[in-house]
Amino acid sequence: IDTESSSLNRVANTMLTIQFAYSADKAFFLPYKHYDTPFTSKDLEYIKNKLTEYFLESANKLHIYCNANFDIPLIRKELEIPFYPTEIWDVQAGEYALDENMVELATATGNGYYNLGNLAIQYGFDGYHRGKFGKEDRVGISKVTLDTPGLVEYACYDVSLLIAMREQQLLRAAEEKHTKYENVVKNLIGNTIHTFSTMNVNGILIDQ
């Protein structure tokens, strides 16, 4: 799951699009409140109700994100969700649990090692650099039309890639005999993200 929004605020914000993937081969792009959305206000009310039902469904086994600290508070605020019962896997957390020392590269390069653009390259995916719409264009996503070349492909990469990346992280952890890896990523870090999400939505500011 991923979102695109009007700013970088976690709560005082508008969710412009939301993307889903159920496999690394296929993704879905939903232009929720983007100015160019084809949906009417009645359509959006129906979509909001369906999304709310989905996110409140405790039968969901696992949701995968990159930087869930941002997306989950935004989704909860936008859909007015009081709680979020699903286990989450954040690929940034997954990478950090494999090697927390890579965070120090930000000191040398000025860029975060764990951002999705860089992690994609580390796992051999260069679609963000080959596409017509890239990471550098996302800051203006609220002002472009939905038929902008490469926009939908870019947004779908942001979710389909997460599934493939998690699979590779699990393989790496197995090779390194990191027996507690899944527990650390899902239960330790994932539950902490859920807690911070609740604090954010309730107006308790915290810097993660």
C-alpha atoms as a PDB file:
ATOM      1  CA  ILE A   1       0.000   0.000   0.000  1.00  0.00           C
ATOM      2  CA  ASP A   2       1.174   3.549  -0.749  1.00  0.00           C
ATOM      3  CA  THR A   3      -0.302   7.029  -0.964  1.00  0.00           C
ATOM      4  CA  GLU A   4       0.409  10.312  -2.684  1.00  0.00           C
ATOM      5  CA  SER A   5      -0.600  13.459  -0.862  1.00  0.00           C
ATOM      6  CA  SER A   6      -0.679  17.236  -1.056  1.00  0.00           C
ATOM      7  CA  SER A   7       2.153  17.724   1.453  1.00  0.00           C
ATOM      8  CA  LEU A   8       4.503  15.877   3.787  1.00  0.00           C
ATOM      9  CA  ASN A   9       2.338  16.368   6.874  1.00  0.00           C
ATOM     10  CA  ARG A  10       1.097  13.112   8.359  1.00  0.00           C
ATOM     11  CA  VAL A  11      -2.304  14.349   9.532  1.00  0.00           C
ATOM     12  CA  ALA A  12      -3.040  17.906   8.276  1.00  0.00           C
ATOM     13  CA  ASN A  13      -3.002  16.661   4.716  1.00  0.00           C
ATOM     14  CA  THR A  14      -5.103  15.363   1.816  1.00  0.00           C
ATOM     15  CA  MET A  15      -4.725  11.878   0.349  1.00  0.00           C
ATOM     16  CA  LEU A  16      -4.666  12.464  -3.400  1.00  0.00           C
ATOM     17  CA  THR A  17      -4.166   8.852  -4.498  1.00  0.00           C
ATOM     18  CA  ILE A  18      -3.833   5.445  -2.940  1.00  0.00           C
ATOM     19  CA  GLN A  19      -2.168   2.449  -4.582  1.00  0.00           C
ATOM     20  CA  PHE A  20      -2.481  -1.279  -3.885  1.00  0.00           C
ATOM     21  CA  ALA A  21      -0.681  -4.391  -5.091  1.00  0.00           C
ATOM     22  CA  TYR A  22      -1.421  -8.034  -4.372  1.00  0.00           C
ATOM     23  CA  SER A  23       1.600  -9.334  -6.286  1.00  0.00           C
ATOM     24  CA  ALA A  24       4.823  -7.972  -7.717  1.00  0.00           C
ATOM     25  CA  ASP A  25       3.277  -8.191 -11.201  1.00  0.00           C
ATOM     26  CA  LYS A  26       0.106  -6.165 -10.878  1.00  0.00           C
ATOM     27  CA  ALA A  27      -0.882  -2.958  -9.088  1.00  0.00           C
ATOM     28  CA  PHE A  28      -3.930  -0.688  -8.830  1.00  0.00           C
ATOM     29  CA  PHE A  29      -3.978   3.124  -8.858  1.00  0.00           C
ATOM     30  CA  LEU A  30      -6.930   4.916  -7.255  1.00  0.00           C
ATOM     31  CA  PRO A  31      -7.107   8.706  -7.802  1.00  0.00           C
ATOM     32  CA  TYR A  32      -8.946   9.453  -4.575  1.00  0.00           C
ATOM     33  CA  LYS A  33      -9.003  13.247  -4.061  1.00  0.00           C
ATOM     34  CA  HIS A  34      -6.667  14.322  -6.847  1.00  0.00           C
ATOM     35  CA  TYR A  35      -8.039  17.394  -8.618  1.00  0.00           C
ATOM     36  CA  ASP A  36      -8.171  15.415 -11.876  1.00  0.00           C
ATOM     37  CA  THR A  37     -10.088  12.482 -10.382  1.00  0.00           C
ATOM     38  CA  PRO A  38     -12.951  11.173 -12.537  1.00  0.00           C
ATOM     39  CA  PHE A  39     -15.029  10.377  -9.444  1.00  0.00           C
ATOM     40  CA  THR A  40     -18.045  12.388  -8.321  1.00  0.00           C
ATOM     41  CA  SER A  41     -18.625  13.306  -4.672  1.00  0.00           C
ATOM     42  CA  LYS A  42     -21.098  10.420  -4.457  1.00  0.00           C
ATOM     43  CA  ASP A  43     -18.498   8.064  -5.910  1.00  0.00           C
ATOM     44  CA  LEU A  44     -15.919   9.240  -3.390  1.00  0.00           C
ATOM     45  CA  GLU A  45     -18.284   8.650  -0.478  1.00  0.00           C
ATOM     46  CA  TYR A  46     -18.828   5.078  -1.683  1.00  0.00           C
ATOM     47  CA  ILE A  47     -15.063   4.571  -2.149  1.00  0.00           C
ATOM     48  CA  LYS A  48     -14.349   5.961   1.317  1.00  0.00           C
ATOM     49  CA  ASN A  49     -16.831   3.530   2.884  1.00  0.00           C
ATOM     50  CA  LYS A  50     -15.298   0.578   1.049  1.00  0.00           C
ATOM     51  CA  LEU A  51     -11.754   1.587   1.969  1.00  0.00           C
ATOM     52  CA  THR A  52     -12.774   2.057   5.596  1.00  0.00           C
ATOM     53  CA  GLU A  53     -14.305  -1.429   5.679  1.00  0.00           C
ATOM     54  CA  TYR A  54     -11.139  -2.860   4.181  1.00  0.00           C
ATOM     55  CA  PHE A  55      -8.730  -1.208   6.596  1.00  0.00           C
ATOM     56  CA  LEU A  56     -10.881  -2.151   9.588  1.00  0.00           C
ATOM     57  CA  GLU A  57     -11.024  -5.803   8.498  1.00  0.00           C
ATOM     58  CA  SER A  58      -9.079  -7.787  11.069  1.00  0.00           C
ATOM     59  CA  ALA A  59      -8.863 -10.768   8.691  1.00  0.00           C
ATOM     60  CA  ASN A  60      -6.231  -8.894   6.661  1.00  0.00           C
ATOM     61  CA  LYS A  61      -3.011 -10.821   7.250  1.00  0.00           C
ATOM     62  CA  LEU A  62      -0.279  -8.342   6.381  1.00  0.00           C
ATOM     63  CA  HIS A  63       0.076  -4.913   4.783  1.00  0.00           C
ATOM     64  CA  ILE A  64       3.393  -3.893   3.232  1.00  0.00           C
ATOM     65  CA  TYR A  65       4.584  -0.269   3.133  1.00  0.00           C
ATOM     66  CA  CYS A  66       7.639   1.845   2.629  1.00  0.00           C
ATOM     67  CA  ASN A  67       7.682   4.530   5.334  1.00  0.00           C
ATOM     68  CA  ALA A  68       4.464   3.448   7.042  1.00  0.00           C
ATOM     69  CA  ASN A  69       5.106   6.209   9.590  1.00  0.00           C
ATOM     70  CA  PHE A  70       3.761   8.585   6.947  1.00  0.00           C
ATOM     71  CA  ASP A  71       1.091   6.555   5.163  1.00  0.00           C
ATOM     72  CA  ILE A  72      -0.788   5.020   8.093  1.00  0.00           C
ATOM     73  CA  PRO A  73      -1.556   8.277   9.964  1.00  0.00           C
ATOM     74  CA  LEU A  74      -2.664   9.830   6.655  1.00  0.00           C
ATOM     75  CA  ILE A  75      -4.929   6.888   5.804  1.00  0.00           C
ATOM     76  CA  ARG A  76      -6.405   6.783   9.312  1.00  0.00           C
ATOM     77  CA  LYS A  77      -7.081  10.515   9.283  1.00  0.00           C
ATOM     78  CA  GLU A  78      -8.548  10.523   5.765  1.00  0.00           C
ATOM     79  CA  LEU A  79     -10.837   7.537   6.361  1.00  0.00           C
ATOM     80  CA  GLU A  80     -11.561   8.369  10.028  1.00  0.00           C
ATOM     81  CA  ILE A  81     -10.323   4.974  11.170  1.00  0.00           C
ATOM     82  CA  PRO A  82     -10.209   4.662  14.989  1.00  0.00           C
ATOM     83  CA  PHE A  83      -7.856   1.670  14.989  1.00  0.00           C
ATOM     84  CA  TYR A  84      -5.824  -0.415  12.552  1.00  0.00           C
ATOM     85  CA  PRO A  85      -5.771  -4.144  13.378  1.00  0.00           C
ATOM     86  CA  THR A  86      -3.501  -5.453  10.606  1.00  0.00           C
ATOM     87  CA  GLU A  87       0.129  -6.515  10.933  1.00  0.00           C
ATOM     88  CA  ILE A  88       2.443  -4.367   8.839  1.00  0.00           C
ATOM     89  CA  TRP A  89       5.781  -4.872   7.167  1.00  0.00           C
ATOM     90  CA  ASP A  90       7.732  -1.706   6.400  1.00  0.00           C
ATOM     91  CA  VAL A  91      10.526  -2.401   3.903  1.00  0.00           C
ATOM     92  CA  GLN A  92      12.556   0.426   5.428  1.00  0.00           C
ATOM     93  CA  ALA A  93      12.279  -1.344   8.783  1.00  0.00           C
ATOM     94  CA  GLY A  94      13.099  -4.614   7.059  1.00  0.00           C
ATOM     95  CA  GLU A  95      16.260  -3.126   5.617  1.00  0.00           C
ATOM     96  CA  TYR A  96      17.206  -1.483   8.908  1.00  0.00           C
ATOM     97  CA  ALA A  97      16.811  -4.800  10.726  1.00  0.00           C
ATOM     98  CA  LEU A  98      19.209  -6.396   8.232  1.00  0.00           C
ATOM     99  CA  ASP A  99      21.883  -3.709   8.596  1.00  0.00           C
ATOM    100  CA  GLU A 100      21.262  -0.672  10.767  1.00  0.00           C
ATOM    101  CA  ASN A 101      24.740   0.683  10.049  1.00  0.00           C
ATOM    102  CA  MET A 102      23.777   1.773   6.532  1.00  0.00           C
ATOM    103  CA  VAL A 103      21.992   4.779   8.040  1.00  0.00           C
ATOM    104  CA  GLU A 104      25.426   6.340   8.441  1.00  0.00           C
ATOM    105  CA  LEU A 105      25.726   6.694   4.667  1.00  0.00           C
ATOM    106  CA  ALA A 106      23.427   9.703   4.895  1.00  0.00           C
ATOM    107  CA  THR A 107      26.262  11.543   6.609  1.00  0.00           C
ATOM    108  CA  ALA A 108      28.534  10.933   3.622  1.00  0.00           C
ATOM    109  CA  THR A 109      26.045  11.290   0.758  1.00  0.00           C
ATOM    110  CA  GLY A 110      23.450  13.712   2.122  1.00  0.00           C
ATOM    111  CA  ASN A 111      20.692  11.285   1.119  1.00  0.00           C
ATOM    112  CA  GLY A 112      18.936   8.641   3.166  1.00  0.00           C
ATOM    113  CA  TYR A 113      20.005   5.093   2.347  1.00  0.00           C
ATOM    114  CA  TYR A 114      16.610   3.644   3.272  1.00  0.00           C
ATOM    115  CA  ASN A 115      14.472   5.692   0.863  1.00  0.00           C
ATOM    116  CA  LEU A 116      12.636   3.608  -1.738  1.00  0.00           C
ATOM    117  CA  GLY A 117      14.481   5.033  -4.714  1.00  0.00           C
ATOM    118  CA  ASN A 118      17.837   3.951  -3.324  1.00  0.00           C
ATOM    119  CA  LEU A 119      16.601   0.592  -2.007  1.00  0.00           C
ATOM    120  CA  ALA A 120      15.165  -0.166  -5.450  1.00  0.00           C
ATOM    121  CA  ILE A 121      18.606   0.275  -6.990  1.00  0.00           C
ATOM    122  CA  GLN A 122      20.187  -1.896  -4.287  1.00  0.00           C
ATOM    123  CA  TYR A 123      17.836  -4.709  -5.313  1.00  0.00           C
ATOM    124  CA  GLY A 124      18.458  -4.217  -9.040  1.00  0.00           C
ATOM    125  CA  PHE A 125      15.377  -2.190 -10.073  1.00  0.00           C
ATOM    126  CA  ASP A 126      16.065   0.982 -12.095  1.00  0.00           C
ATOM    127  CA  GLY A 127      12.512   1.758 -13.236  1.00  0.00           C
ATOM    128  CA  TYR A 128      12.405   5.026 -11.332  1.00  0.00           C
ATOM    129  CA  HIS A 129      15.371   6.272 -13.363  1.00  0.00           C
ATOM    130  CA  ARG A 130      14.179   4.959 -16.735  1.00  0.00           C
ATOM    131  CA  GLY A 131      10.567   6.121 -16.427  1.00  0.00           C
ATOM    132  CA  LYS A 132       9.084   9.371 -17.706  1.00  0.00           C
ATOM    133  CA  PHE A 133       7.906  10.256 -14.177  1.00  0.00           C
ATOM    134  CA  GLY A 134      10.419   9.893 -11.352  1.00  0.00           C
ATOM    135  CA  LYS A 135      10.937  10.516  -7.662  1.00  0.00           C
ATOM    136  CA  GLU A 136      11.960  14.094  -8.343  1.00  0.00           C
ATOM    137  CA  ASP A 137       8.551  14.750  -9.975  1.00  0.00           C
ATOM    138  CA  ARG A 138       6.374  13.577  -7.106  1.00  0.00           C
ATOM    139  CA  VAL A 139       6.491  16.947  -5.298  1.00  0.00           C
ATOM    140  CA  GLY A 140       4.299  18.359  -8.070  1.00  0.00           C
ATOM    141  CA  ILE A 141       1.921  15.422  -8.272  1.00  0.00           C
ATOM    142  CA  SER A 142      -1.013  17.477  -6.988  1.00  0.00           C
ATOM    143  CA  LYS A 143      -0.742  19.819  -9.999  1.00  0.00           C
ATOM    144  CA  VAL A 144      -0.386  17.392 -12.896  1.00  0.00           C
ATOM    145  CA  THR A 145      -3.139  15.605 -14.789  1.00  0.00           C
ATOM    146  CA  LEU A 146      -3.577  11.884 -14.320  1.00  0.00           C
ATOM    147  CA  ASP A 147      -2.627  11.201 -17.944  1.00  0.00           C
ATOM    148  CA  THR A 148       0.827  12.705 -17.402  1.00  0.00           C
ATOM    149  CA  PRO A 149       3.244  10.249 -19.056  1.00  0.00           C
ATOM    150  CA  GLY A 150       4.665   7.790 -16.577  1.00  0.00           C
ATOM    151  CA  LEU A 151       2.619   8.946 -13.566  1.00  0.00           C
ATOM    152  CA  VAL A 152       0.485   5.832 -13.095  1.00  0.00           C
ATOM    153  CA  GLU A 153       3.437   3.526 -13.791  1.00  0.00           C
ATOM    154  CA  TYR A 154       5.527   5.370 -11.212  1.00  0.00           C
ATOM    155  CA  ALA A 155       2.794   5.156  -8.572  1.00  0.00           C
ATOM    156  CA  CYS A 156       2.300   1.441  -9.238  1.00  0.00           C
ATOM    157  CA  TYR A 157       6.027   0.760  -8.912  1.00  0.00           C
ATOM    158  CA  ASP A 158       5.717   2.152  -5.381  1.00  0.00           C
ATOM    159  CA  VAL A 159       3.577  -0.820  -4.336  1.00  0.00           C
ATOM    160  CA  SER A 160       4.431  -3.771  -6.591  1.00  0.00           C
ATOM    161  CA  LEU A 161       8.107  -3.259  -5.783  1.00  0.00           C
ATOM    162  CA  LEU A 162       7.419  -3.608  -2.036  1.00  0.00           C
ATOM    163  CA  ILE A 163       6.238  -7.195  -2.418  1.00  0.00           C
ATOM    164  CA  ALA A 164       9.326  -8.242  -4.369  1.00  0.00           C
ATOM    165  CA  MET A 165      11.585  -6.368  -1.960  1.00  0.00           C
ATOM    166  CA  ARG A 166      10.098  -8.064   1.110  1.00  0.00           C
ATOM    167  CA  GLU A 167      10.699 -11.473  -0.498  1.00  0.00           C
ATOM    168  CA  GLN A 168      14.356 -10.582  -1.036  1.00  0.00           C
ATOM    169  CA  GLN A 169      14.700  -9.305   2.524  1.00  0.00           C
ATOM    170  CA  LEU A 170      13.370 -12.601   3.869  1.00  0.00           C
ATOM    171  CA  LEU A 171      15.851 -14.508   1.695  1.00  0.00           C
ATOM    172  CA  ARG A 172      18.725 -12.379   2.952  1.00  0.00           C
ATOM    173  CA  ALA A 173      17.675 -12.891   6.563  1.00  0.00           C
ATOM    174  CA  ALA A 174      17.503 -16.662   6.029  1.00  0.00           C
ATOM    175  CA  GLU A 175      20.961 -16.708   4.466  1.00  0.00           C
ATOM    176  CA  GLU A 176      22.313 -14.740   7.421  1.00  0.00           C
ATOM    177  CA  LYS A 177      20.496 -17.074   9.853  1.00  0.00           C
ATOM    178  CA  HIS A 178      18.653 -14.117  11.380  1.00  0.00           C
ATOM    179  CA  THR A 179      16.111 -16.337  13.160  1.00  0.00           C
ATOM    180  CA  LYS A 180      14.231 -13.482  14.871  1.00  0.00           C
ATOM    181  CA  TYR A 181      14.051 -11.305  11.758  1.00  0.00           C
ATOM    182  CA  GLU A 182      10.311 -11.486  11.036  1.00  0.00           C
ATOM    183  CA  ASN A 183       9.488 -10.971  14.697  1.00  0.00           C
ATOM    184  CA  VAL A 184      11.669  -7.846  14.836  1.00  0.00           C
ATOM    185  CA  VAL A 185      10.222  -6.295  11.670  1.00  0.00           C
ATOM    186  CA  LYS A 186       6.533  -7.127  12.228  1.00  0.00           C
ATOM    187  CA  ASN A 187       6.099  -7.194  15.976  1.00  0.00           C
ATOM    188  CA  LEU A 188       8.788  -4.937  17.391  1.00  0.00           C
ATOM    189  CA  ILE A 189       9.119  -2.227  14.735  1.00  0.00           C
ATOM    190  CA  GLY A 190       5.658  -2.719  13.187  1.00  0.00           C
ATOM    191  CA  ASN A 191       3.830  -2.377  16.504  1.00  0.00           C
ATOM    192  CA  THR A 192       5.897   0.690  17.341  1.00  0.00           C
ATOM    193  CA  ILE A 193       4.797   2.265  14.057  1.00  0.00           C
ATOM    194  CA  HIS A 194       1.158   1.484  14.957  1.00  0.00           C
ATOM    195  CA  THR A 195       1.630   3.150  18.342  1.00  0.00           C
ATOM    196  CA  PHE A 196       3.204   6.252  16.822  1.00  0.00           C
ATOM    197  CA  SER A 197       0.385   6.350  14.262  1.00  0.00           C
ATOM    198  CA  THR A 198      -2.204   6.487  17.039  1.00  0.00           C
ATOM    199  CA  MET A 199      -0.268   9.245  18.798  1.00  0.00           C
ATOM    200  CA  ASN A 200      -0.018  11.264  15.573  1.00  0.00           C
ATOM    201  CA  VAL A 201      -3.723  10.936  14.769  1.00  0.00           C
ATOM    202  CA  ASN A 202      -4.607  11.937  18.336  1.00  0.00           C
ATOM    203  CA  GLY A 203      -2.514  15.101  18.036  1.00  0.00           C
ATOM    204  CA  ILE A 204       0.511  13.921  19.983  1.00  0.00           C
ATOM    205  CA  LEU A 205       3.473  14.991  17.873  1.00  0.00           C
ATOM    206  CA  ILE A 206       6.461  12.690  17.858  1.00  0.00           C
ATOM    207  CA  ASP A 207       9.558  12.624  15.692  1.00  0.00           C
ATOM    208  CA  GLN A 208      10.360   9.095  14.527  1.00  0.00           C
END
